[in-house]
Amino acid sequence: MTDFSDSFSILHQDDDIVAIHKPAGLLVHRSWMDSDETQFALQMTRDAIGQKVFPVHRLDKPTSGVLIFALSSNVARLLQEQFQNNSIEKEYLALVRGWPSHAKDHGKWIVDKPLKYHVDKFSEPDTEEGKIQEAETHFECLQTATIQQPVGRYDSARYALVKAMPKTGRKHQIRRHLNHCNHPIVGDVNHGDRHHNHFFQDHFKQTRLYLAATQISLTHPISLGSLVIEAPIEVSFQRVIDQIDWR
């Protein structure tokens, strides 16, 4: 059983909100799709602060980073309205295959590509299956690197660190949009490149999705003040970043 205690931490807590760093591999809450799992972010947060918490958004199981819970049902409703209205700003860091050469404006580009909705067949009705949803993500290429090792049919491999700022909140949006750009996230088993996934597993001796939620900016639902919550990069992610010779 994986021990998440070293990566789990409280990032922010007040009378209405608690924000945690969710480790990669930890589910937000119980799911029929992972019935063997025994640890969940919701229960770990509840136990850490000694009171009931209410989920307001999700992070994919393999994604690490900022996750917010409300401390009352009323605050949960107010925060969910902000998420639904796309008024909460989120930033992610991703390690991707290739160099984003199409990023024309100081390394920045936008993907405005609708995505087909896929339901969780264990917990959601299938009435929305296949529905097309608007989806927009802003990207910025931060650094690039070349690793002089053969990967697939190439003698070397190019990678980039990319900041992703989703303007909508669709399922696997960042992962699907980066794959659409031919820059899949390393470690993504659903939308990635198996050759690069296997190379990272062999070369860096660990398996994970290299995607992290690094910052959330919102309006505090009670004080109405601006609240910015940041999360450090998880050790397993940072270790790989530090071993790559970035430009």
Protein backbone atom coordinates (compact mmCIF):
# COMPACT_ATOMS: atom_id res chain seq x y z
CA MET A 1 0.00 0.00 0.00
CA THR A 2 1.34 3.44 -0.95
CA ASP A 3 2.14 5.79 1.93
CA PHE A 4 0.97 9.28 0.96
CA SER A 5 1.75 10.92 4.31
CA ASP A 6 5.04 12.48 3.16
CA SER A 7 3.44 14.25 0.18
CA PHE A 8 0.10 15.16 1.76
CA SER A 9 0.05 18.57 3.45
CA ILE A 10 -2.28 21.41 4.44
CA LEU A 11 -1.60 24.47 2.26
CA HIS A 12 -4.26 26.82 3.63
CA GLN A 13 -6.96 26.72 6.29
CA ASP A 14 -9.42 29.30 7.59
CA ASP A 15 -12.92 29.13 9.05
CA ASP A 16 -14.49 28.28 5.68
CA ILE A 17 -11.92 26.61 3.41
CA VAL A 18 -9.10 24.11 3.63
CA ALA A 19 -6.67 23.50 0.77
CA ILE A 20 -4.31 20.55 0.61
CA HIS A 21 -1.50 19.24 -1.54
CA LYS A 22 -2.90 16.03 -3.04
CA PRO A 23 -0.18 13.51 -3.88
CA ALA A 24 -0.12 11.82 -7.27
CA GLY A 25 -1.91 8.47 -7.08
CA LEU A 26 -4.33 9.50 -4.33
CA LEU A 27 -8.06 9.48 -5.11
CA VAL A 28 -10.12 12.48 -4.02
CA HIS A 29 -12.87 10.21 -2.67
CA ARG A 30 -14.08 6.62 -2.92
CA SER A 31 -14.74 5.29 -6.41
CA TRP A 32 -16.17 2.03 -7.71
CA MET A 33 -13.47 2.12 -10.38
CA ASP A 34 -10.75 1.78 -7.73
CA SER A 35 -12.48 -0.43 -5.19
CA ASP A 36 -9.17 -1.72 -3.81
CA GLU A 37 -8.01 1.74 -2.70
CA THR A 38 -8.17 2.45 1.02
CA GLN A 39 -6.81 6.02 1.22
CA PHE A 40 -8.63 9.12 -0.03
CA ALA A 41 -7.89 12.84 0.07
CA LEU A 42 -11.27 13.65 1.60
CA GLN A 43 -10.81 11.32 4.57
CA MET A 44 -7.14 12.28 5.04
CA THR A 45 -8.09 15.97 5.15
CA ARG A 46 -10.97 15.33 7.55
CA ASP A 47 -8.70 13.37 9.87
CA ALA A 48 -5.92 15.99 9.65
CA ILE A 49 -8.14 18.92 10.70
CA GLY A 50 -10.64 17.03 12.84
CA GLN A 51 -13.83 18.13 11.10
CA LYS A 52 -16.06 17.29 8.16
CA VAL A 53 -15.03 18.59 4.74
CA PHE A 54 -17.05 19.04 1.54
CA PRO A 55 -15.56 18.45 -1.94
CA VAL A 56 -16.00 21.28 -4.47
CA HIS A 57 -13.83 20.12 -7.40
CA ARG A 58 -11.66 17.21 -8.47
CA LEU A 59 -8.13 16.36 -9.47
CA ASP A 60 -7.46 13.23 -11.49
CA LYS A 61 -5.96 10.42 -9.43
CA PRO A 62 -2.51 10.65 -11.11
CA THR A 63 -2.35 14.47 -10.87
CA SER A 64 -0.73 16.10 -7.86
CA GLY A 65 -1.25 19.58 -6.45
CA VAL A 66 -3.77 22.03 -5.00
CA LEU A 67 -7.13 20.60 -3.96
CA ILE A 68 -9.77 22.65 -2.12
CA PHE A 69 -12.46 21.52 0.31
CA ALA A 70 -15.21 23.60 1.93
CA LEU A 71 -15.91 23.39 5.64
CA SER A 72 -19.69 23.78 5.29
CA SER A 73 -22.34 22.91 2.73
CA ASN A 74 -23.08 26.60 2.13
CA VAL A 75 -19.44 27.41 1.34
CA ALA A 76 -19.29 24.33 -0.87
CA ARG A 77 -22.26 25.63 -2.87
CA LEU A 78 -20.66 29.08 -3.26
CA LEU A 79 -17.33 27.63 -4.36
CA GLN A 80 -18.97 25.22 -6.80
CA GLU A 81 -20.72 28.19 -8.40
CA GLN A 82 -17.32 29.82 -8.98
CA PHE A 83 -15.98 26.64 -10.56
CA GLN A 84 -19.07 26.26 -12.75
CA ASN A 85 -18.81 29.90 -13.86
CA ASN A 86 -15.12 29.40 -14.71
CA SER A 87 -14.26 32.39 -12.51
CA ILE A 88 -11.57 30.48 -10.62
CA GLU A 89 -8.12 30.69 -12.21
CA LYS A 90 -6.02 27.52 -12.18
CA GLU A 91 -2.42 26.93 -13.17
CA TYR A 92 -0.73 23.60 -13.86
CA LEU A 93 2.79 22.50 -14.72
CA ALA A 94 3.25 19.74 -17.28
CA LEU A 95 6.29 17.96 -18.68
CA VAL A 96 5.54 17.16 -22.32
CA ARG A 97 7.06 15.48 -25.32
CA GLY A 98 8.55 17.77 -27.96
CA TRP A 99 9.12 21.51 -28.28
CA PRO A 100 5.98 23.63 -28.85
CA SER A 101 7.23 25.35 -32.01
CA HIS A 102 3.74 26.67 -32.79
CA ALA A 103 3.89 28.88 -29.68
CA LYS A 104 4.35 32.16 -31.58
CA ASP A 105 3.78 34.85 -28.94
CA HIS A 106 6.63 34.61 -26.40
CA GLY A 107 6.08 30.88 -25.99
CA LYS A 108 2.33 31.22 -25.53
CA TRP A 109 -0.54 29.62 -27.40
CA ILE A 110 -4.23 28.80 -26.97
CA VAL A 111 -6.14 25.61 -27.70
CA ASP A 112 -9.84 26.22 -28.24
CA LYS A 113 -11.08 22.75 -29.07
CA PRO A 114 -14.43 21.29 -27.96
CA LEU A 115 -14.21 17.94 -26.22
CA LYS A 116 -16.58 15.01 -26.21
CA TYR A 117 -17.95 14.24 -22.76
CA HIS A 118 -17.26 10.77 -21.37
CA VAL A 119 -19.24 9.70 -18.32
CA ASP A 120 -18.00 7.65 -15.40
CA LYS A 121 -20.17 4.60 -16.07
CA PHE A 122 -20.00 3.58 -12.40
CA SER A 123 -21.39 6.81 -10.97
CA GLU A 124 -22.91 9.00 -13.69
CA PRO A 125 -26.00 8.64 -15.89
CA ASP A 126 -25.23 8.04 -19.54
CA THR A 127 -27.58 10.79 -20.79
CA GLU A 128 -24.60 13.13 -21.33
CA GLU A 129 -22.37 10.57 -23.07
CA GLY A 130 -20.98 11.98 -26.30
CA LYS A 131 -22.14 15.54 -25.64
CA ILE A 132 -19.76 18.12 -27.15
CA GLN A 133 -18.50 20.69 -24.62
CA GLU A 134 -16.60 23.91 -25.29
CA ALA A 135 -13.06 23.73 -23.92
CA GLU A 136 -10.27 26.30 -23.89
CA THR A 137 -6.77 26.10 -22.43
CA HIS A 138 -3.99 28.68 -22.47
CA PHE A 139 -0.40 27.39 -22.58
CA GLU A 140 3.05 28.85 -22.07
CA CYS A 141 6.31 27.05 -22.84
CA LEU A 142 8.69 27.70 -19.93
CA GLN A 143 11.77 25.60 -20.76
CA THR A 144 12.97 23.06 -23.31
CA ALA A 145 15.53 20.27 -23.22
CA THR A 146 17.03 17.49 -25.30
CA ILE A 147 17.99 14.14 -23.81
CA GLN A 148 20.64 12.34 -25.85
CA GLN A 149 19.09 8.91 -25.50
CA PRO A 150 17.24 6.88 -28.17
CA VAL A 151 13.46 6.89 -27.70
CA GLY A 152 11.24 5.03 -30.16
CA ARG A 153 12.68 5.52 -33.65
CA TYR A 154 14.68 8.65 -32.76
CA ASP A 155 18.27 8.94 -31.50
CA SER A 156 17.36 11.66 -28.99
CA ALA A 157 14.25 13.09 -27.39
CA ARG A 158 12.96 16.64 -26.90
CA TYR A 159 10.90 17.71 -23.91
CA ALA A 160 9.36 20.92 -22.58
CA LEU A 161 8.02 22.28 -19.31
CA VAL A 162 4.66 23.91 -20.01
CA LYS A 163 2.36 26.03 -17.87
CA ALA A 164 -1.31 25.26 -18.54
CA MET A 165 -4.18 27.57 -17.62
CA PRO A 166 -7.56 25.93 -18.34
CA LYS A 167 -10.38 28.41 -18.86
CA THR A 168 -13.00 25.66 -18.71
CA GLY A 169 -13.09 22.53 -16.56
CA ARG A 170 -13.62 19.51 -18.77
CA LYS A 171 -12.59 15.96 -17.95
CA HIS A 172 -8.89 15.41 -18.73
CA GLN A 173 -8.95 18.77 -20.55
CA ILE A 174 -5.25 19.64 -20.26
CA ARG A 175 -4.17 16.10 -21.08
CA ARG A 176 -6.42 15.91 -24.13
CA HIS A 177 -5.56 19.39 -25.41
CA LEU A 178 -1.81 18.76 -25.16
CA ASN A 179 -2.20 15.44 -26.95
CA HIS A 180 -4.16 17.30 -29.65
CA CYS A 181 -1.09 19.58 -30.04
CA ASN A 182 1.16 16.52 -30.44
CA HIS A 183 2.77 17.34 -27.08
CA PRO A 184 1.34 14.62 -24.80
CA ILE A 185 2.20 14.74 -21.11
CA VAL A 186 4.88 12.27 -20.11
CA GLY A 187 3.43 9.48 -18.01
CA ASP A 188 -0.10 9.82 -19.40
CA VAL A 189 -1.27 6.26 -20.05
CA ASN A 190 -4.57 7.36 -21.61
CA HIS A 191 -3.51 10.24 -23.86
CA GLY A 192 0.27 9.93 -23.95
CA ASP A 193 3.09 8.31 -25.90
CA ARG A 194 4.06 4.86 -24.63
CA HIS A 195 7.65 5.13 -25.93
CA HIS A 196 8.35 8.24 -23.86
CA ASN A 197 6.42 6.89 -20.87
CA HIS A 198 8.55 3.75 -20.87
CA PHE A 199 11.75 5.76 -21.35
CA PHE A 200 11.02 7.89 -18.27
CA GLN A 201 10.18 4.80 -16.23
CA ASP A 202 13.46 3.15 -17.22
CA HIS A 203 15.69 6.23 -17.17
CA PHE A 204 14.39 7.95 -14.01
CA LYS A 205 13.27 4.80 -12.16
CA GLN A 206 9.76 5.99 -11.29
CA THR A 207 6.25 5.95 -12.72
CA ARG A 208 3.90 8.93 -12.55
CA LEU A 209 1.95 11.46 -14.60
CA TYR A 210 4.04 14.63 -14.91
CA LEU A 211 1.16 17.03 -14.33
CA ALA A 212 0.72 19.17 -11.20
CA ALA A 213 -1.87 21.74 -10.13
CA THR A 214 0.43 24.50 -8.88
CA GLN A 215 -1.91 27.41 -8.14
CA ILE A 216 -5.58 28.33 -7.66
CA SER A 217 -6.84 31.93 -7.48
CA LEU A 218 -10.39 32.57 -6.31
CA THR A 219 -12.67 34.98 -4.50
CA HIS A 220 -13.14 33.91 -0.90
CA PRO A 221 -16.86 33.03 -0.71
CA ILE A 222 -17.36 34.67 2.70
CA SER A 223 -14.85 37.54 3.03
CA LEU A 224 -15.02 38.23 -0.75
CA GLY A 225 -11.29 38.93 -0.72
CA SER A 226 -8.82 37.56 -3.25
CA LEU A 227 -7.25 34.23 -2.26
CA VAL A 228 -4.28 32.67 -4.04
CA ILE A 229 -3.16 29.19 -3.00
CA GLU A 230 0.09 27.72 -4.31
CA ALA A 231 1.48 24.20 -4.06
CA PRO A 232 5.12 23.15 -4.34
CA ILE A 233 6.06 20.59 -6.97
CA GLU A 234 5.91 17.07 -5.54
CA VAL A 235 9.32 15.53 -4.80
CA SER A 236 8.91 12.77 -7.42
CA PHE A 237 8.18 15.42 -10.10
CA GLN A 238 10.89 17.84 -8.94
CA ARG A 239 13.50 15.08 -8.85
CA VAL A 240 13.07 14.50 -12.59
CA ILE A 241 13.03 18.23 -13.38
CA ASP A 242 16.34 18.59 -11.55
CA GLN A 243 17.97 15.79 -13.55
CA ILE A 244 17.16 17.30 -16.95
CA ASP A 245 19.47 19.89 -18.52
CA TRP A 246 16.94 22.61 -19.37
CA ARG A 247 17.60 25.48 -21.77
